Protein backbone atom coordinates (compact mmCIF):
# COMPACT_ATOMS: atom_id res chain seq x y z
CA MET A 1 -86.57 23.93 50.70
CA LYS A 2 -84.20 26.23 48.75
CA PRO A 3 -85.23 25.02 45.31
CA ARG A 4 -88.84 25.59 46.21
CA SER A 5 -88.22 29.23 47.29
CA SER A 6 -86.30 30.06 44.10
CA GLY A 7 -89.09 28.70 41.97
CA SER A 8 -91.59 30.83 43.80
CA VAL A 9 -89.46 33.96 43.15
CA ILE A 10 -89.34 33.19 39.44
CA ARG A 11 -93.10 32.69 39.40
CA LEU A 12 -93.56 36.08 41.03
CA ALA A 13 -91.07 37.88 38.75
CA ALA A 14 -92.56 36.56 35.51
CA PRO A 15 -95.82 38.57 35.75
CA LEU A 16 -93.86 41.70 36.71
CA ARG A 17 -91.60 41.33 33.68
CA ALA A 18 -94.57 40.82 31.40
CA LEU A 19 -96.24 43.87 32.91
CA ALA A 20 -93.10 45.99 32.40
CA GLN A 21 -92.75 44.87 28.78
CA ARG A 22 -96.42 45.62 28.13
CA PHE A 23 -96.27 49.18 29.48
CA SER A 24 -92.66 50.08 28.53
CA PHE A 25 -93.67 52.02 25.38
CA LEU A 26 -96.28 53.93 27.34
CA LEU A 27 -93.70 54.74 30.02
CA LEU A 28 -91.26 56.08 27.44
CA VAL A 29 -93.97 58.28 25.92
CA LEU A 30 -94.87 59.61 29.35
CA ALA A 31 -91.20 60.27 30.13
CA SER A 32 -90.79 62.21 26.89
CA VAL A 33 -93.87 64.28 27.62
CA ALA A 34 -92.58 64.95 31.09
CA LEU A 35 -89.20 66.12 29.78
CA MET A 36 -90.90 68.44 27.30
CA MET A 37 -93.07 69.84 30.04
CA VAL A 38 -90.03 70.41 32.21
CA GLY A 39 -88.28 72.13 29.31
CA LYS A 40 -91.27 74.41 28.75
CA ILE A 41 -91.86 75.17 32.39
CA GLU A 42 -88.24 75.68 33.42
CA SER A 43 -86.67 76.91 30.20
CA VAL A 44 -84.09 78.95 32.11
CA SER A 45 -82.86 75.87 33.91
CA VAL A 46 -82.76 73.83 30.71
CA ASP A 47 -80.86 76.56 28.87
CA SER A 48 -78.43 76.81 31.74
CA ALA A 49 -77.84 73.08 31.70
CA ARG A 50 -77.40 73.12 27.93
CA ALA A 51 -74.86 75.93 28.26
CA ARG A 52 -72.93 73.97 30.89
CA VAL A 53 -72.82 70.93 28.62
CA THR A 54 -71.65 73.06 25.70
CA ASP A 55 -68.95 74.66 27.86
CA ALA A 56 -67.82 71.26 28.99
CA PHE A 57 -67.46 69.94 25.43
CA ALA A 58 -66.06 73.15 23.94
CA PRO A 59 -62.41 72.42 24.83
CA ILE A 60 -62.74 68.95 23.35
CA LEU A 61 -64.26 70.28 20.13
CA ASP A 62 -61.59 72.99 19.96
CA ALA A 63 -58.82 70.43 20.40
CA ILE A 64 -60.35 68.29 17.67
CA SER A 65 -60.75 71.20 15.27
CA ARG A 66 -57.22 72.56 15.72
CA PRO A 67 -55.45 69.87 13.66
CA ALA A 68 -57.91 70.33 10.80
CA ALA A 69 -57.55 74.13 10.85
CA THR A 70 -53.79 73.83 11.09
CA ALA A 71 -53.70 71.45 8.15
CA ALA A 72 -55.90 73.79 6.12
CA ARG A 73 -53.61 76.72 6.89
CA VAL A 74 -50.57 74.69 5.92
CA VAL A 75 -52.15 73.71 2.61
CA GLU A 76 -53.21 77.31 1.95
CA SER A 77 -49.72 78.58 2.75
CA ALA A 78 -48.20 76.03 0.38
CA VAL A 79 -50.56 77.06 -2.42
CA GLU A 80 -49.82 80.75 -1.83
CA LEU A 81 -46.10 80.04 -1.82
CA GLU A 82 -46.36 78.18 -5.12
CA ASN A 83 -48.40 81.01 -6.64
CA ALA A 84 -45.90 83.58 -5.38
CA PHE A 85 -43.06 81.60 -6.93
CA ASP A 86 -44.84 81.42 -10.29
CA GLU A 87 -45.67 85.13 -10.14
CA ASN A 88 -42.06 85.94 -9.30
CA GLN A 89 -40.82 83.96 -12.29
CA ARG A 90 -43.34 85.69 -14.56
CA LEU A 91 -42.34 89.13 -13.28
CA LYS A 92 -38.65 88.33 -13.78
CA ALA A 93 -39.28 87.33 -17.39
CA GLU A 94 -41.42 90.41 -17.99
CA ASN A 95 -38.78 92.63 -16.41
CA ALA A 96 -36.13 91.14 -18.68
CA ARG A 97 -38.29 91.84 -21.74
CA LEU A 98 -38.91 95.40 -20.58
CA LEU A 99 -35.20 95.96 -20.12
CA GLN A 100 -34.62 94.77 -23.67
CA TRP A 101 -37.29 97.12 -24.98
CA ARG A 102 -35.80 99.96 -22.94
CA GLN A 103 -32.39 99.40 -24.46
CA ALA A 104 -33.92 99.27 -27.92
CA ALA A 105 -35.87 102.48 -27.24
CA LEU A 106 -32.77 104.28 -26.02
CA ARG A 107 -30.82 103.13 -29.05
CA LEU A 108 -33.56 104.25 -31.44
CA GLU A 109 -33.88 107.57 -29.63
CA ALA A 110 -30.16 108.23 -29.99
CA GLU A 111 -30.29 107.22 -33.65
CA ASN A 112 -33.33 109.41 -34.25
CA ASN A 113 -31.68 112.42 -32.62
CA SER A 114 -28.54 111.85 -34.69
CA LEU A 115 -30.52 111.66 -37.94
CA ARG A 116 -32.53 114.73 -37.02
CA SER A 117 -29.36 116.69 -36.40
CA LEU A 118 -27.92 115.58 -39.75
CA LEU A 119 -31.10 116.42 -41.67
CA ARG A 120 -31.81 119.57 -39.67
CA VAL A 121 -35.36 118.45 -39.07
CA ARG A 122 -37.56 121.05 -37.44
CA PRO A 123 -39.28 119.67 -34.31
CA GLU A 124 -43.02 119.34 -34.51
CA PRO A 125 -44.89 122.06 -32.62
CA SER A 126 -46.61 121.11 -29.40
CA VAL A 127 -50.31 120.42 -29.79
CA ASN A 128 -53.13 121.91 -27.79
CA TYR A 129 -56.31 120.07 -26.99
CA ILE A 130 -59.61 120.68 -25.27
CA ALA A 131 -61.49 117.97 -23.40
CA ALA A 132 -65.22 118.01 -24.02
CA ARG A 133 -68.14 115.84 -22.96
CA VAL A 134 -70.54 114.34 -25.49
CA ILE A 135 -74.04 115.62 -24.74
CA ALA A 136 -75.97 114.46 -27.79
CA THR A 137 -75.77 112.11 -30.72
CA PRO A 138 -78.16 113.65 -33.25
CA GLY A 139 -77.39 110.91 -35.70
CA SER A 140 -79.65 108.78 -37.83
CA SER A 141 -79.38 106.35 -40.69
CA PHE A 142 -78.16 109.23 -42.85
CA VAL A 143 -76.10 111.41 -40.48
CA ARG A 144 -73.54 110.38 -37.87
CA THR A 145 -72.42 113.30 -35.69
CA LEU A 146 -71.80 114.13 -32.04
CA VAL A 147 -72.44 117.33 -30.08
CA VAL A 148 -69.85 118.25 -27.42
CA THR A 149 -69.75 120.84 -24.63
CA ALA A 150 -67.00 123.06 -26.03
CA GLY A 151 -67.23 125.89 -28.50
CA ARG A 152 -65.65 129.05 -29.80
CA ARG A 153 -65.18 130.50 -26.33
CA ASP A 154 -63.05 127.46 -25.43
CA GLY A 155 -60.80 127.78 -28.48
CA VAL A 156 -62.48 125.19 -30.69
CA ARG A 157 -62.32 125.84 -34.40
CA LYS A 158 -63.56 124.10 -37.48
CA GLY A 159 -61.37 121.30 -38.81
CA GLN A 160 -59.84 120.21 -35.51
CA ALA A 161 -59.37 116.47 -34.97
CA ALA A 162 -61.61 114.71 -32.46
CA LEU A 163 -59.85 111.90 -30.60
CA ALA A 164 -60.99 109.36 -28.05
CA GLY A 165 -58.74 107.19 -25.93
CA ALA A 166 -58.06 104.60 -28.63
CA GLY A 167 -57.81 106.75 -31.73
CA LEU A 168 -59.42 109.12 -34.20
CA VAL A 169 -63.17 109.68 -33.98
CA GLY A 170 -63.74 112.40 -36.55
CA ARG A 171 -63.38 116.15 -37.06
CA VAL A 172 -65.12 119.32 -36.00
CA ILE A 173 -67.45 120.56 -38.74
CA GLU A 174 -69.52 123.17 -36.89
CA VAL A 175 -68.56 125.51 -34.04
CA GLY A 176 -70.95 127.45 -31.85
CA GLU A 177 -70.31 129.71 -28.93
CA TRP A 178 -70.92 127.00 -26.32
CA SER A 179 -70.96 123.74 -28.29
CA SER A 180 -69.56 122.08 -31.39
CA ARG A 181 -70.55 119.32 -33.75
CA VAL A 182 -68.20 116.49 -34.73
CA LEU A 183 -68.57 114.49 -37.94
CA LEU A 184 -67.72 110.82 -37.27
CA LEU A 185 -65.37 108.99 -39.60
CA THR A 186 -68.12 106.45 -40.35
CA ASP A 187 -70.44 109.13 -41.78
CA ILE A 188 -71.06 108.90 -45.51
CA ASN A 189 -69.59 112.41 -45.94
CA ALA A 190 -66.29 111.61 -44.20
CA ARG A 191 -63.15 111.18 -46.31
CA ILE A 192 -59.82 110.71 -44.54
CA PRO A 193 -56.42 110.13 -46.24
CA VAL A 194 -54.86 107.08 -44.59
CA ILE A 195 -51.95 104.70 -44.95
CA LEU A 196 -51.68 101.04 -44.00
CA SER A 197 -48.96 100.35 -41.46
CA ASN A 198 -47.52 97.15 -43.00
CA THR A 199 -47.85 97.56 -46.76
CA ARG A 200 -47.48 101.38 -46.65
CA GLN A 201 -50.29 101.53 -49.17
CA ARG A 202 -52.06 104.90 -49.28
CA SER A 203 -55.82 105.08 -49.50
CA ILE A 204 -58.91 107.07 -48.59
CA LEU A 205 -61.05 105.96 -45.66
CA ALA A 206 -64.71 106.56 -46.49
CA GLY A 207 -67.71 106.12 -44.23
CA ASP A 208 -71.01 104.61 -45.35
CA ASN A 209 -73.16 105.20 -42.24
CA SER A 210 -72.46 101.72 -40.88
CA ASP A 211 -70.33 100.68 -37.91
CA GLN A 212 -67.31 100.20 -40.17
CA ALA A 213 -65.68 102.26 -42.91
CA LYS A 214 -64.16 101.19 -46.23
CA LEU A 215 -60.96 101.87 -48.13
CA LEU A 216 -61.12 103.45 -51.57
CA TYR A 217 -58.76 103.81 -54.54
CA LEU A 218 -56.59 100.79 -53.81
CA PRO A 219 -54.91 98.75 -56.55
CA PRO A 220 -56.59 95.38 -57.17
CA ASP A 221 -53.42 93.47 -56.26
CA SER A 222 -52.77 95.26 -52.96
CA PRO A 223 -51.34 92.72 -50.44
CA ILE A 224 -53.57 93.86 -47.58
CA GLN A 225 -54.34 91.41 -44.78
CA VAL A 226 -56.91 91.29 -42.02
CA GLY A 227 -55.56 92.81 -38.80
CA GLU A 228 -53.41 95.45 -40.50
CA ARG A 229 -53.47 98.81 -38.73
CA VAL A 230 -54.69 101.93 -40.51
CA VAL A 231 -53.35 105.39 -39.59
CA THR A 232 -53.67 108.86 -41.02
CA SER A 233 -51.23 109.67 -43.81
CA GLY A 234 -51.15 113.45 -43.41
CA ASP A 235 -51.96 114.01 -47.10
CA GLY A 236 -54.03 117.08 -47.86
CA GLY A 237 -53.30 118.71 -44.51
CA LEU A 238 -56.52 117.44 -42.98
CA PHE A 239 -54.86 115.48 -40.16
CA PRO A 240 -51.24 115.00 -39.10
CA PRO A 241 -49.68 111.64 -39.99
CA GLY A 242 -49.71 108.70 -37.60
CA LEU A 243 -53.07 109.07 -35.86
CA PRO A 244 -54.58 105.61 -35.25
CA VAL A 245 -57.76 105.16 -37.26
CA GLY A 246 -58.69 101.48 -37.16
CA VAL A 247 -57.93 97.90 -38.10
CA VAL A 248 -58.72 95.99 -41.30
CA THR A 249 -61.43 93.45 -40.53
CA ALA A 250 -62.37 92.10 -43.98
CA VAL A 251 -60.72 91.82 -47.40
CA SER A 252 -63.04 90.58 -50.13
CA GLU A 253 -64.40 91.35 -53.57
CA ARG A 254 -66.89 93.71 -51.97
CA GLY A 255 -64.07 95.84 -50.63
CA ILE A 256 -61.87 96.30 -47.61
CA ARG A 257 -63.60 97.08 -44.33
CA VAL A 258 -62.00 98.93 -41.42
CA LEU A 259 -63.23 98.85 -37.81
CA PRO A 260 -62.52 102.16 -36.01
CA SER A 261 -60.08 101.98 -33.11
CA ALA A 262 -62.50 103.89 -30.88
CA ASP A 263 -65.91 102.48 -30.05
CA LEU A 264 -68.00 105.26 -31.57
CA SER A 265 -71.20 104.03 -29.93
CA ARG A 266 -69.80 104.46 -26.41
CA VAL A 267 -67.83 107.70 -26.63
CA GLU A 268 -68.49 109.93 -23.61
CA TYR A 269 -65.55 112.35 -23.75
CA LEU A 270 -63.51 113.68 -26.67
CA ARG A 271 -60.27 115.55 -27.10
CA LEU A 272 -60.51 118.29 -29.71
CA VAL A 273 -56.90 118.64 -30.81
CA ASP A 274 -55.36 121.62 -32.54
CA PHE A 275 -52.36 120.43 -34.52
CA GLY A 276 -51.73 123.86 -35.99
CA LEU A 277 -53.05 122.84 -39.41
CA PRO A 278 -55.10 125.24 -41.52
CA SER A 279 -58.85 124.76 -41.44
CA THR A 280 -60.14 122.86 -44.44
CA ASP A 281 -63.59 122.07 -45.83
CA LEU A 282 -62.88 118.75 -47.48
CA ASP A 283 -65.84 117.14 -45.78
CA PRO A 284 -69.20 118.69 -46.56
CA SER A 285 -71.53 119.37 -43.68
CA PRO A 286 -74.44 116.96 -43.21
CA ASP A 287 -76.75 119.95 -43.46
CA SER A 288 -75.92 120.16 -47.15
CA LYS A 289 -77.73 116.91 -47.85
């Protein structure tokens, strides 16, 4: 009797299993729709449940993330420590070089003072300067000048040197009551006595209305190299000696070109310096053209 009853159970369960397999996909779809409906209808309850689940897993996630964050901080600290060590070594070397230069400067200062006392050299008078803002560049292909906001009432006078941060820009050629006009050293009328810092060769810096000037009256065999600094020589009393003018950029058969130390196209402020030199008219005014 027992084998017969078990067979009957299997025969009854087989249709139920087939029915469940046939409608399982439909049941899952219905369950999904039901869950979405519950989420839409009772969003507050769903959000609350989601928050509880998040709170429950937050400590676990925090514990998992701590080793990674700690490792990242350790690596970052090691990198910063290595960078600090390298920076410390660089600063030590730079400090040693500065100490050497300081000792050399002190030695040269003492030697200079001793030589001055032996030669009874008169100290150079202190210079006065006026800071002025550039308000116009009435230049063209034939004239290169600047107009600044300082004039006779401010103490500006004709012939004063115009300097920017990096070096000589030009000289004052016209003075009004409230403004002045500065002739740039690249203007075709500009002529400046200069000397080259390495070869000590004297020359005349002449503008040609381009971004660079040229050197005139140099011997053909002058050993001038690209990169040599050009400064004022002080000849003629136009400028004092030693003012930075520019750097040699080209040496060829066409001549020697000099790039001004100051970027003349971006000058916003000028210093009009009075070196106590007499006013000269070596450079003609552009109005005379």
